[in-house]
């Protein structure tokens, strides 16, 4: 994965434009065209649904009193399309799940 990031524009659902730091994946250069951020949020939604389903299954067997989930993602661009990356390292992104039980 290339470690050179780019700043590109994204359009939100309400039409507002935001700037996002992205990581180019592969050899294709990242263009400056504005992209729709919904691609990235759909990926986040899918990850959250998968994690929530797994936690529901776990809670039926190990019965924790409390769950917390922290999801960090890096946004990448591959072949002109947005992708969300869960990468190694505390400074960039991660998936952290905590379960707690009372005494």
PDB file of N, CA and C in Angstrom:
ATOM      1  N   UNK A   1       0.848  -1.180   0.000  1.00  0.00           N
ATOM      2  CA  UNK A   1       0.000   0.000   0.000  1.00  0.00           C
ATOM      3  C   UNK A   1       0.885   1.231   0.000  1.00  0.00           C
ATOM      4  N   UNK A   2       0.593   2.200  -0.846  1.00  0.00           N
ATOM      5  CA  UNK A   2       1.371   3.423  -0.881  1.00  0.00           C
ATOM      6  C   UNK A   2       1.153   4.209   0.394  1.00  0.00           C
ATOM      7  N   UNK A   3       2.208   4.850   0.861  1.00  0.00           N
ATOM      8  CA  UNK A   3       2.059   5.619   2.087  1.00  0.00           C
ATOM      9  C   UNK A   3       1.935   7.113   1.809  1.00  0.00           C
ATOM     10  N   UNK A   4       1.753   7.517   0.557  1.00  0.00           N
ATOM     11  CA  UNK A   4       1.543   8.918   0.205  1.00  0.00           C
ATOM     12  C   UNK A   4       0.051   9.183   0.177  1.00  0.00           C
ATOM     13  N   UNK A   5      -0.398  10.089   1.030  1.00  0.00           N
ATOM     14  CA  UNK A   5      -1.823  10.400   1.069  1.00  0.00           C
ATOM     15  C   UNK A   5      -2.110  11.616   0.199  1.00  0.00           C
ATOM     16  N   UNK A   6      -3.370  11.751  -0.179  1.00  0.00           N
ATOM     17  CA  UNK A   6      -3.854  12.871  -0.990  1.00  0.00           C
ATOM     18  C   UNK A   6      -5.066  13.466  -0.291  1.00  0.00           C
ATOM     19  N   UNK A   7      -5.299  14.739  -0.505  1.00  0.00           N
ATOM     20  CA  UNK A   7      -6.508  15.407  -0.019  1.00  0.00           C
ATOM     21  C   UNK A   7      -7.429  15.576  -1.217  1.00  0.00           C
ATOM     22  N   UNK A   8      -8.642  15.008  -1.114  1.00  0.00           N
ATOM     23  CA  UNK A   8      -9.608  15.160  -2.204  1.00  0.00           C
ATOM     24  C   UNK A   8     -10.962  15.580  -1.643  1.00  0.00           C
ATOM     25  N   UNK A   9     -11.818  16.085  -2.509  1.00  0.00           N
ATOM     26  CA  UNK A   9     -13.140  16.573  -2.110  1.00  0.00           C
ATOM     27  C   UNK A   9     -14.175  15.464  -2.196  1.00  0.00           C
ATOM     28  N   UNK A  10     -15.097  15.490  -1.239  1.00  0.00           N
ATOM     29  CA  UNK A  10     -16.225  14.568  -1.226  1.00  0.00           C
ATOM     30  C   UNK A  10     -17.496  15.357  -1.014  1.00  0.00           C
ATOM     31  N   UNK A  11     -18.563  14.916  -1.691  1.00  0.00           N
ATOM     32  CA  UNK A  11     -19.872  15.546  -1.518  1.00  0.00           C
ATOM     33  C   UNK A  11     -20.702  14.707  -0.564  1.00  0.00           C
ATOM     34  N   UNK A  12     -21.231  15.353   0.491  1.00  0.00           N
ATOM     35  CA  UNK A  12     -22.112  14.685   1.440  1.00  0.00           C
ATOM     36  C   UNK A  12     -23.529  14.617   0.889  1.00  0.00           C
ATOM     37  N   UNK A  13     -24.393  13.864   1.555  1.00  0.00           N
ATOM     38  CA  UNK A  13     -25.777  13.686   1.088  1.00  0.00           C
ATOM     39  C   UNK A  13     -26.532  14.997   0.956  1.00  0.00           C
ATOM     40  N   UNK A  14     -26.188  15.984   1.811  1.00  0.00           N
ATOM     41  CA  UNK A  14     -26.886  17.270   1.755  1.00  0.00           C
ATOM     42  C   UNK A  14     -26.256  18.246   0.769  1.00  0.00           C
ATOM     43  N   UNK A  15     -25.260  17.778  -0.005  1.00  0.00           N
ATOM     44  CA  UNK A  15     -24.634  18.619  -1.015  1.00  0.00           C
ATOM     45  C   UNK A  15     -23.398  19.363  -0.542  1.00  0.00           C
ATOM     46  N   UNK A  16     -23.125  19.365   0.759  1.00  0.00           N
ATOM     47  CA  UNK A  16     -21.942  20.041   1.268  1.00  0.00           C
ATOM     48  C   UNK A  16     -20.695  19.282   0.836  1.00  0.00           C
ATOM     49  N   UNK A  17     -19.621  20.008   0.645  1.00  0.00           N
ATOM     50  CA  UNK A  17     -18.347  19.431   0.220  1.00  0.00           C
ATOM     51  C   UNK A  17     -17.397  19.406   1.415  1.00  0.00           C
ATOM     52  N   UNK A  18     -16.738  18.256   1.614  1.00  0.00           N
ATOM     53  CA  UNK A  18     -15.718  18.137   2.654  1.00  0.00           C
ATOM     54  C   UNK A  18     -14.416  17.678   1.999  1.00  0.00           C
ATOM     55  N   UNK A  19     -13.315  17.947   2.652  1.00  0.00           N
ATOM     56  CA  UNK A  19     -12.009  17.481   2.194  1.00  0.00           C
ATOM     57  C   UNK A  19     -11.617  16.290   3.068  1.00  0.00           C
ATOM     58  N   UNK A  20     -11.119  15.223   2.438  1.00  0.00           N
ATOM     59  CA  UNK A  20     -10.748  14.003   3.147  1.00  0.00           C
ATOM     60  C   UNK A  20      -9.355  13.580   2.705  1.00  0.00           C
ATOM     61  N   UNK A  21      -8.541  13.172   3.668  1.00  0.00           N
ATOM     62  CA  UNK A  21      -7.228  12.626   3.350  1.00  0.00           C
ATOM     63  C   UNK A  21      -7.402  11.156   3.005  1.00  0.00           C
ATOM     64  N   UNK A  22      -6.981  10.771   1.821  1.00  0.00           N
ATOM     65  CA  UNK A  22      -7.145   9.392   1.368  1.00  0.00           C
ATOM     66  C   UNK A  22      -5.791   8.794   1.017  1.00  0.00           C
ATOM     67  N   UNK A  23      -5.751   7.463   1.009  1.00  0.00           N
ATOM     68  CA  UNK A  23      -4.553   6.730   0.627  1.00  0.00           C
ATOM     69  C   UNK A  23      -4.782   6.084  -0.734  1.00  0.00           C
ATOM     70  N   UNK A  24      -3.970   6.430  -1.727  1.00  0.00           N
ATOM     71  CA  UNK A  24      -4.095   5.738  -3.015  1.00  0.00           C
ATOM     72  C   UNK A  24      -3.648   4.282  -2.864  1.00  0.00           C
ATOM     73  N   UNK A  25      -4.396   3.357  -3.450  1.00  0.00           N
ATOM     74  CA  UNK A  25      -4.065   1.939  -3.408  1.00  0.00           C
ATOM     75  C   UNK A  25      -3.729   1.518  -4.829  1.00  0.00           C
ATOM     76  N   UNK A  26      -2.588   0.930  -5.018  1.00  0.00           N
ATOM     77  CA  UNK A  26      -2.186   0.515  -6.358  1.00  0.00           C
ATOM     78  C   UNK A  26      -1.448   1.618  -7.081  1.00  0.00           C
ATOM     79  N   UNK A  27      -1.322   1.454  -8.368  1.00  0.00           N
ATOM     80  CA  UNK A  27      -0.497   2.345  -9.185  1.00  0.00           C
ATOM     81  C   UNK A  27      -1.268   3.507  -9.806  1.00  0.00           C
ATOM     82  N   UNK A  28      -2.587   3.401  -9.883  1.00  0.00           N
ATOM     83  CA  UNK A  28      -3.370   4.425 -10.574  1.00  0.00           C
ATOM     84  C   UNK A  28      -3.371   5.727  -9.773  1.00  0.00           C
ATOM     85  N   UNK A  29      -3.067   6.870 -10.407  1.00  0.00           N
ATOM     86  CA  UNK A  29      -3.069   8.144  -9.684  1.00  0.00           C
ATOM     87  C   UNK A  29      -4.495   8.538  -9.277  1.00  0.00           C
ATOM     88  N   UNK A  30      -4.597   9.294  -8.186  1.00  0.00           N
ATOM     89  CA  UNK A  30      -5.890   9.757  -7.686  1.00  0.00           C
ATOM     90  C   UNK A  30      -6.190  11.107  -8.312  1.00  0.00           C
ATOM     91  N   UNK A  31      -7.332  11.226  -8.976  1.00  0.00           N
ATOM     92  CA  UNK A  31      -7.707  12.488  -9.604  1.00  0.00           C
ATOM     93  C   UNK A  31      -8.292  13.434  -8.565  1.00  0.00           C
ATOM     94  N   UNK A  32      -8.392  14.697  -8.930  1.00  0.00           N
ATOM     95  CA  UNK A  32      -8.918  15.718  -8.024  1.00  0.00           C
ATOM     96  C   UNK A  32     -10.436  15.846  -8.113  1.00  0.00           C
ATOM     97  N   UNK A  33     -11.099  14.992  -8.893  1.00  0.00           N
ATOM     98  CA  UNK A  33     -12.556  15.108  -9.042  1.00  0.00           C
ATOM     99  C   UNK A  33     -13.261  14.887  -7.697  1.00  0.00           C
ATOM    100  N   UNK A  34     -14.403  15.530  -7.532  1.00  0.00           N
ATOM    101  CA  UNK A  34     -15.197  15.376  -6.316  1.00  0.00           C
ATOM    102  C   UNK A  34     -15.936  14.048  -6.371  1.00  0.00           C
ATOM    103  N   UNK A  35     -15.887  13.310  -5.278  1.00  0.00           N
ATOM    104  CA  UNK A  35     -16.557  12.004  -5.197  1.00  0.00           C
ATOM    105  C   UNK A  35     -17.693  12.087  -4.173  1.00  0.00           C
ATOM    106  N   UNK A  36     -18.610  11.144  -4.261  1.00  0.00           N
ATOM    107  CA  UNK A  36     -19.725  11.080  -3.323  1.00  0.00           C
ATOM    108  C   UNK A  36     -19.276  10.260  -2.115  1.00  0.00           C
ATOM    109  N   UNK A  37     -19.394  10.840  -0.908  1.00  0.00           N
ATOM    110  CA  UNK A  37     -18.919  10.194   0.316  1.00  0.00           C
ATOM    111  C   UNK A  37     -19.792   9.007   0.713  1.00  0.00           C
ATOM    112  N   UNK A  38     -20.977   8.896   0.150  1.00  0.00           N
ATOM    113  CA  UNK A  38     -21.904   7.808   0.471  1.00  0.00           C
ATOM    114  C   UNK A  38     -21.264   6.434   0.262  1.00  0.00           C
ATOM    115  N   UNK A  39     -20.345   6.320  -0.701  1.00  0.00           N
ATOM    116  CA  UNK A  39     -19.643   5.050  -0.902  1.00  0.00           C
ATOM    117  C   UNK A  39     -18.962   4.605   0.387  1.00  0.00           C
ATOM    118  N   UNK A  40     -18.279   5.532   1.047  1.00  0.00           N
ATOM    119  CA  UNK A  40     -17.563   5.206   2.280  1.00  0.00           C
ATOM    120  C   UNK A  40     -18.531   4.916   3.417  1.00  0.00           C
ATOM    121  N   UNK A  41     -19.615   5.668   3.518  1.00  0.00           N
ATOM    122  CA  UNK A  41     -20.549   5.439   4.628  1.00  0.00           C
ATOM    123  C   UNK A  41     -21.291   4.121   4.472  1.00  0.00           C
ATOM    124  N   UNK A  42     -21.523   3.683   3.242  1.00  0.00           N
ATOM    125  CA  UNK A  42     -22.148   2.365   3.032  1.00  0.00           C
ATOM    126  C   UNK A  42     -21.221   1.246   3.515  1.00  0.00           C
ATOM    127  N   UNK A  43     -19.918   1.407   3.306  1.00  0.00           N
ATOM    128  CA  UNK A  43     -18.946   0.422   3.799  1.00  0.00           C
ATOM    129  C   UNK A  43     -18.970   0.397   5.320  1.00  0.00           C
ATOM    130  N   UNK A  44     -18.985   1.571   5.950  1.00  0.00           N
ATOM    131  CA  UNK A  44     -19.032   1.665   7.414  1.00  0.00           C
ATOM    132  C   UNK A  44     -20.302   0.992   7.940  1.00  0.00           C
ATOM    133  N   UNK A  45     -21.430   1.233   7.272  1.00  0.00           N
ATOM    134  CA  UNK A  45     -22.701   0.622   7.675  1.00  0.00           C
ATOM    135  C   UNK A  45     -22.612  -0.901   7.627  1.00  0.00           C
ATOM    136  N   UNK A  46     -22.036  -1.443   6.559  1.00  0.00           N
ATOM    137  CA  UNK A  46     -21.905  -2.898   6.423  1.00  0.00           C
ATOM    138  C   UNK A  46     -21.014  -3.483   7.519  1.00  0.00           C
ATOM    139  N   UNK A  47     -19.899  -2.806   7.814  1.00  0.00           N
ATOM    140  CA  UNK A  47     -19.012  -3.278   8.877  1.00  0.00           C
ATOM    141  C   UNK A  47     -19.748  -3.267  10.212  1.00  0.00           C
ATOM    142  N   UNK A  48     -20.457  -2.184  10.500  1.00  0.00           N
ATOM    143  CA  UNK A  48     -21.187  -2.071  11.769  1.00  0.00           C
ATOM    144  C   UNK A  48     -22.252  -3.155  11.897  1.00  0.00           C
ATOM    145  N   UNK A  49     -22.970  -3.442  10.815  1.00  0.00           N
ATOM    146  CA  UNK A  49     -24.000  -4.485  10.857  1.00  0.00           C
ATOM    147  C   UNK A  49     -23.382  -5.858  11.122  1.00  0.00           C
ATOM    148  N   UNK A  50     -22.240  -6.146  10.486  1.00  0.00           N
ATOM    149  CA  UNK A  50     -21.569  -7.427  10.714  1.00  0.00           C
ATOM    150  C   UNK A  50     -21.085  -7.553  12.155  1.00  0.00           C
ATOM    151  N   UNK A  51     -20.479  -6.487  12.676  1.00  0.00           N
ATOM    152  CA  UNK A  51     -19.983  -6.507  14.060  1.00  0.00           C
ATOM    153  C   UNK A  51     -21.156  -6.639  15.028  1.00  0.00           C
ATOM    154  N   UNK A  52     -22.233  -5.905  14.796  1.00  0.00           N
ATOM    155  CA  UNK A  52     -23.398  -5.964  15.684  1.00  0.00           C
ATOM    156  C   UNK A  52     -24.003  -7.366  15.704  1.00  0.00           C
ATOM    157  N   UNK A  53     -24.078  -8.024  14.550  1.00  0.00           N
ATOM    158  CA  UNK A  53     -24.609  -9.387  14.490  1.00  0.00           C
ATOM    159  C   UNK A  53     -23.755 -10.355  15.288  1.00  0.00           C
ATOM    160  N   UNK A  54     -22.457 -10.228  15.169  1.00  0.00           N
ATOM    161  CA  UNK A  54     -21.538 -11.083  15.922  1.00  0.00           C
ATOM    162  C   UNK A  54     -21.666 -10.832  17.416  1.00  0.00           C
ATOM    163  N   UNK A  55     -21.748  -9.574  17.813  1.00  0.00           N
ATOM    164  CA  UNK A  55     -21.876  -9.247  19.240  1.00  0.00           C
ATOM    165  C   UNK A  55     -23.193  -9.758  19.815  1.00  0.00           C
ATOM    166  N   UNK A  56     -24.250  -9.730  19.007  1.00  0.00           N
ATOM    167  CA  UNK A  56     -25.535 -10.270  19.461  1.00  0.00           C
ATOM    168  C   UNK A  56     -25.397 -11.766  19.726  1.00  0.00           C
ATOM    169  N   UNK A  57     -24.732 -12.492  18.825  1.00  0.00           N
ATOM    170  CA  UNK A  57     -24.512 -13.926  19.017  1.00  0.00           C
ATOM    171  C   UNK A  57     -23.679 -14.195  20.272  1.00  0.00           C
ATOM    172  N   UNK A  58     -22.626 -13.416  20.466  1.00  0.00           N
ATOM    173  CA  UNK A  58     -21.765 -13.575  21.645  1.00  0.00           C
ATOM    174  C   UNK A  58     -22.544 -13.308  22.925  1.00  0.00           C
ATOM    175  N   UNK A  59     -23.372 -12.272  22.910  1.00  0.00           N
ATOM    176  CA  UNK A  59     -24.081 -11.887  24.138  1.00  0.00           C
ATOM    177  C   UNK A  59     -25.063 -12.959  24.597  1.00  0.00           C
ATOM    178  N   UNK A  60     -25.497 -13.811  23.683  1.00  0.00           N
ATOM    179  CA  UNK A  60     -26.408 -14.891  24.067  1.00  0.00           C
ATOM    180  C   UNK A  60     -25.686 -16.018  24.796  1.00  0.00           C
ATOM    181  N   UNK A  61     -24.365 -16.146  24.604  1.00  0.00           N
ATOM    182  CA  UNK A  61     -23.620 -17.225  25.252  1.00  0.00           C
ATOM    183  C   UNK A  61     -22.782 -16.754  26.433  1.00  0.00           C
ATOM    184  N   UNK A  62     -22.058 -15.644  26.285  1.00  0.00           N
ATOM    185  CA  UNK A  62     -21.183 -15.207  27.381  1.00  0.00           C
ATOM    186  C   UNK A  62     -21.803 -14.117  28.245  1.00  0.00           C
ATOM    187  N   UNK A  63     -22.898 -13.541  27.825  1.00  0.00           N
ATOM    188  CA  UNK A  63     -23.723 -12.592  28.568  1.00  0.00           C
ATOM    189  C   UNK A  63     -22.949 -11.470  29.270  1.00  0.00           C
ATOM    190  N   UNK A  64     -22.227 -10.641  28.529  1.00  0.00           N
ATOM    191  CA  UNK A  64     -21.585  -9.485  29.172  1.00  0.00           C
ATOM    192  C   UNK A  64     -22.639  -8.452  29.563  1.00  0.00           C
ATOM    193  N   UNK A  65     -22.316  -7.640  30.564  1.00  0.00           N
ATOM    194  CA  UNK A  65     -23.224  -6.573  30.982  1.00  0.00           C
ATOM    195  C   UNK A  65     -23.161  -5.374  30.040  1.00  0.00           C
ATOM    196  N   UNK A  66     -22.020  -5.222  29.384  1.00  0.00           N
ATOM    197  CA  UNK A  66     -21.843  -4.043  28.549  1.00  0.00           C
ATOM    198  C   UNK A  66     -20.845  -4.333  27.428  1.00  0.00           C
ATOM    199  N   UNK A  67     -21.137  -3.809  26.228  1.00  0.00           N
ATOM    200  CA  UNK A  67     -20.238  -3.855  25.080  1.00  0.00           C
ATOM    201  C   UNK A  67     -19.850  -2.432  24.721  1.00  0.00           C
ATOM    202  N   UNK A  68     -18.667  -2.257  24.226  1.00  0.00           N
ATOM    203  CA  UNK A  68     -18.334  -1.011  23.534  1.00  0.00           C
ATOM    204  C   UNK A  68     -17.487  -1.379  22.325  1.00  0.00           C
ATOM    205  N   UNK A  69     -17.731  -0.685  21.239  1.00  0.00           N
ATOM    206  CA  UNK A  69     -17.012  -0.947  19.993  1.00  0.00           C
ATOM    207  C   UNK A  69     -16.458   0.386  19.492  1.00  0.00           C
ATOM    208  N   UNK A  70     -15.180   0.370  19.178  1.00  0.00           N
ATOM    209  CA  UNK A  70     -14.528   1.542  18.610  1.00  0.00           C
ATOM    210  C   UNK A  70     -13.985   1.132  17.246  1.00  0.00           C
ATOM    211  N   UNK A  71     -14.431   1.826  16.226  1.00  0.00           N
ATOM    212  CA  UNK A  71     -14.038   1.504  14.866  1.00  0.00           C
ATOM    213  C   UNK A  71     -13.318   2.699  14.271  1.00  0.00           C
ATOM    214  N   UNK A  72     -12.101   2.482  13.829  1.00  0.00           N
ATOM    215  CA  UNK A  72     -11.349   3.520  13.137  1.00  0.00           C
ATOM    216  C   UNK A  72     -11.023   3.032  11.746  1.00  0.00           C
ATOM    217  N   UNK A  73     -11.217   3.876  10.769  1.00  0.00           N
ATOM    218  CA  UNK A  73     -10.972   3.485   9.382  1.00  0.00           C
ATOM    219  C   UNK A  73     -10.096   4.511   8.687  1.00  0.00           C
ATOM    220  N   UNK A  74      -9.387   4.053   7.701  1.00  0.00           N
ATOM    221  CA  UNK A  74      -8.661   4.928   6.796  1.00  0.00           C
ATOM    222  C   UNK A  74      -9.380   4.836   5.458  1.00  0.00           C
ATOM    223  N   UNK A  75      -9.572   5.961   4.798  1.00  0.00           N
ATOM    224  CA  UNK A  75     -10.245   5.971   3.506  1.00  0.00           C
ATOM    225  C   UNK A  75      -9.198   5.834   2.410  1.00  0.00           C
ATOM    226  N   UNK A  76      -9.429   4.896   1.500  1.00  0.00           N
ATOM    227  CA  UNK A  76      -8.523   4.685   0.379  1.00  0.00           C
ATOM    228  C   UNK A  76      -9.269   4.819  -0.938  1.00  0.00           C
ATOM    229  N   UNK A  77      -8.522   5.048  -1.999  1.00  0.00           N
ATOM    230  CA  UNK A  77      -9.100   5.110  -3.338  1.00  0.00           C
ATOM    231  C   UNK A  77      -8.383   4.072  -4.189  1.00  0.00           C
ATOM    232  N   UNK A  78      -9.184   3.167  -4.766  1.00  0.00           N
ATOM    233  CA  UNK A  78      -8.636   2.122  -5.627  1.00  0.00           C
ATOM    234  C   UNK A  78      -9.420   2.114  -6.919  1.00  0.00           C
ATOM    235  N   UNK A  79      -8.738   2.256  -8.029  1.00  0.00           N
ATOM    236  CA  UNK A  79      -9.370   2.299  -9.357  1.00  0.00           C
ATOM    237  C   UNK A  79     -10.490   3.319  -9.410  1.00  0.00           C
ATOM    238  N   UNK A  80     -10.273   4.469  -8.757  1.00  0.00           N
ATOM    239  CA  UNK A  80     -11.249   5.549  -8.772  1.00  0.00           C
ATOM    240  C   UNK A  80     -12.411   5.375  -7.807  1.00  0.00           C
ATOM    241  N   UNK A  81     -12.476   4.263  -7.076  1.00  0.00           N
ATOM    242  CA  UNK A  81     -13.576   4.001  -6.156  1.00  0.00           C
ATOM    243  C   UNK A  81     -13.093   4.112  -4.709  1.00  0.00           C
ATOM    244  N   UNK A  82     -13.969   4.594  -3.828  1.00  0.00           N
ATOM    245  CA  UNK A  82     -13.639   4.671  -2.404  1.00  0.00           C
ATOM    246  C   UNK A  82     -13.643   3.300  -1.775  1.00  0.00           C
ATOM    247  N   UNK A  83     -12.768   3.108  -0.823  1.00  0.00           N
ATOM    248  CA  UNK A  83     -12.780   1.894  -0.026  1.00  0.00           C
ATOM    249  C   UNK A  83     -12.362   2.264   1.390  1.00  0.00           C
ATOM    250  N   UNK A  84     -12.874   1.560   2.362  1.00  0.00           N
ATOM    251  CA  UNK A  84     -12.502   1.790   3.756  1.00  0.00           C
ATOM    252  C   UNK A  84     -11.480   0.735   4.141  1.00  0.00           C
ATOM    253  N   UNK A  85     -10.438   1.148   4.813  1.00  0.00           N
ATOM    254  CA  UNK A  85      -9.361   0.241   5.196  1.00  0.00           C
ATOM    255  C   UNK A  85      -9.289   0.141   6.709  1.00  0.00           C
ATOM    256  N   UNK A  86      -9.281  -1.072   7.226  1.00  0.00           N
ATOM    257  CA  UNK A  86      -8.974  -1.290   8.635  1.00  0.00           C
ATOM    258  C   UNK A  86      -7.513  -1.701   8.634  1.00  0.00           C
ATOM    259  N   UNK A  87      -6.670  -0.842   9.142  1.00  0.00           N
ATOM    260  CA  UNK A  87      -5.240  -1.084   9.026  1.00  0.00           C
ATOM    261  C   UNK A  87      -4.601  -1.258  10.390  1.00  0.00           C
ATOM    262  N   UNK A  88      -3.431  -1.857  10.387  1.00  0.00           N
ATOM    263  CA  UNK A  88      -2.688  -2.099  11.617  1.00  0.00           C
ATOM    264  C   UNK A  88      -2.083  -0.788  12.107  1.00  0.00           C
ATOM    265  N   UNK A  89      -2.141  -0.589  13.409  1.00  0.00           N
ATOM    266  CA  UNK A  89      -1.500   0.588  13.980  1.00  0.00           C
ATOM    267  C   UNK A  89      -2.479   1.453  14.732  1.00  0.00           C
ATOM    268  N   UNK A  90      -2.055   1.916  15.891  1.00  0.00           N
ATOM    269  CA  UNK A  90      -2.942   2.716  16.725  1.00  0.00           C
ATOM    270  C   UNK A  90      -3.142   4.119  16.181  1.00  0.00           C
ATOM    271  N   UNK A  91      -2.176   4.632  15.423  1.00  0.00           N
ATOM    272  CA  UNK A  91      -2.288   5.989  14.929  1.00  0.00           C
ATOM    273  C   UNK A  91      -3.219   6.133  13.745  1.00  0.00           C
ATOM    274  N   UNK A  92      -3.499   5.059  13.025  1.00  0.00           N
ATOM    275  CA  UNK A  92      -4.274   5.169  11.802  1.00  0.00           C
ATOM    276  C   UNK A  92      -5.709   4.688  11.985  1.00  0.00           C
ATOM    277  N   UNK A  93      -5.886   3.443  12.346  1.00  0.00           N
ATOM    278  CA  UNK A  93      -7.237   2.905  12.452  1.00  0.00           C
ATOM    279  C   UNK A  93      -7.208   1.563  13.143  1.00  0.00           C
ATOM    280  N   UNK A  94      -8.365   1.137  13.628  1.00  0.00           N
ATOM    281  CA  UNK A  94      -8.458  -0.175  14.260  1.00  0.00           C
ATOM    282  C   UNK A  94      -9.914  -0.532  14.538  1.00  0.00           C
ATOM    283  N   UNK A  95     -10.090  -1.734  15.013  1.00  0.00           N
ATOM    284  CA  UNK A  95     -11.384  -2.203  15.483  1.00  0.00           C
ATOM    285  C   UNK A  95     -11.149  -2.729  16.884  1.00  0.00           C
ATOM    286  N   UNK A  96     -11.741  -2.083  17.865  1.00  0.00           N
ATOM    287  CA  UNK A  96     -11.536  -2.449  19.263  1.00  0.00           C
ATOM    288  C   UNK A  96     -12.892  -2.796  19.874  1.00  0.00           C
ATOM    289  N   UNK A  97     -13.013  -3.980  20.431  1.00  0.00           N
ATOM    290  CA  UNK A  97     -14.259  -4.425  21.073  1.00  0.00           C
ATOM    291  C   UNK A  97     -13.972  -4.698  22.531  1.00  0.00           C
ATOM    292  N   UNK A  98     -14.766  -4.119  23.415  1.00  0.00           N
ATOM    293  CA  UNK A  98     -14.609  -4.321  24.856  1.00  0.00           C
ATOM    294  C   UNK A  98     -15.897  -4.914  25.401  1.00  0.00           C
ATOM    295  N   UNK A  99     -15.755  -5.958  26.234  1.00  0.00           N
ATOM    296  CA  UNK A  99     -16.891  -6.544  26.926  1.00  0.00           C
ATOM    297  C   UNK A  99     -16.657  -6.423  28.419  1.00  0.00           C
ATOM    298  N   UNK A 100     -17.713  -6.091  29.179  1.00  0.00           N
ATOM    299  CA  UNK A 100     -17.581  -5.920  30.625  1.00  0.00           C
ATOM    300  C   UNK A 100     -18.638  -6.752  31.336  1.00  0.00           C
ATOM    301  N   UNK A 101     -18.246  -7.298  32.459  1.00  0.00           N
ATOM    302  CA  UNK A 101     -19.145  -8.054  33.315  1.00  0.00           C
ATOM    303  C   UNK A 101     -19.127  -7.430  34.703  1.00  0.00           C
ATOM    304  N   UNK A 102     -20.306  -7.366  35.351  1.00  0.00           N
ATOM    305  CA  UNK A 102     -20.394  -6.882  36.725  1.00  0.00           C
ATOM    306  C   UNK A 102     -19.910  -7.962  37.681  1.00  0.00           C
ATOM    307  N   UNK A 103     -19.732  -7.589  38.930  1.00  0.00           N
ATOM    308  CA  UNK A 103     -19.240  -8.561  39.927  1.00  0.00           C
ATOM    309  C   UNK A 103     -20.353  -9.454  40.410  1.00  0.00           C
TER     310      UNK A 103
END
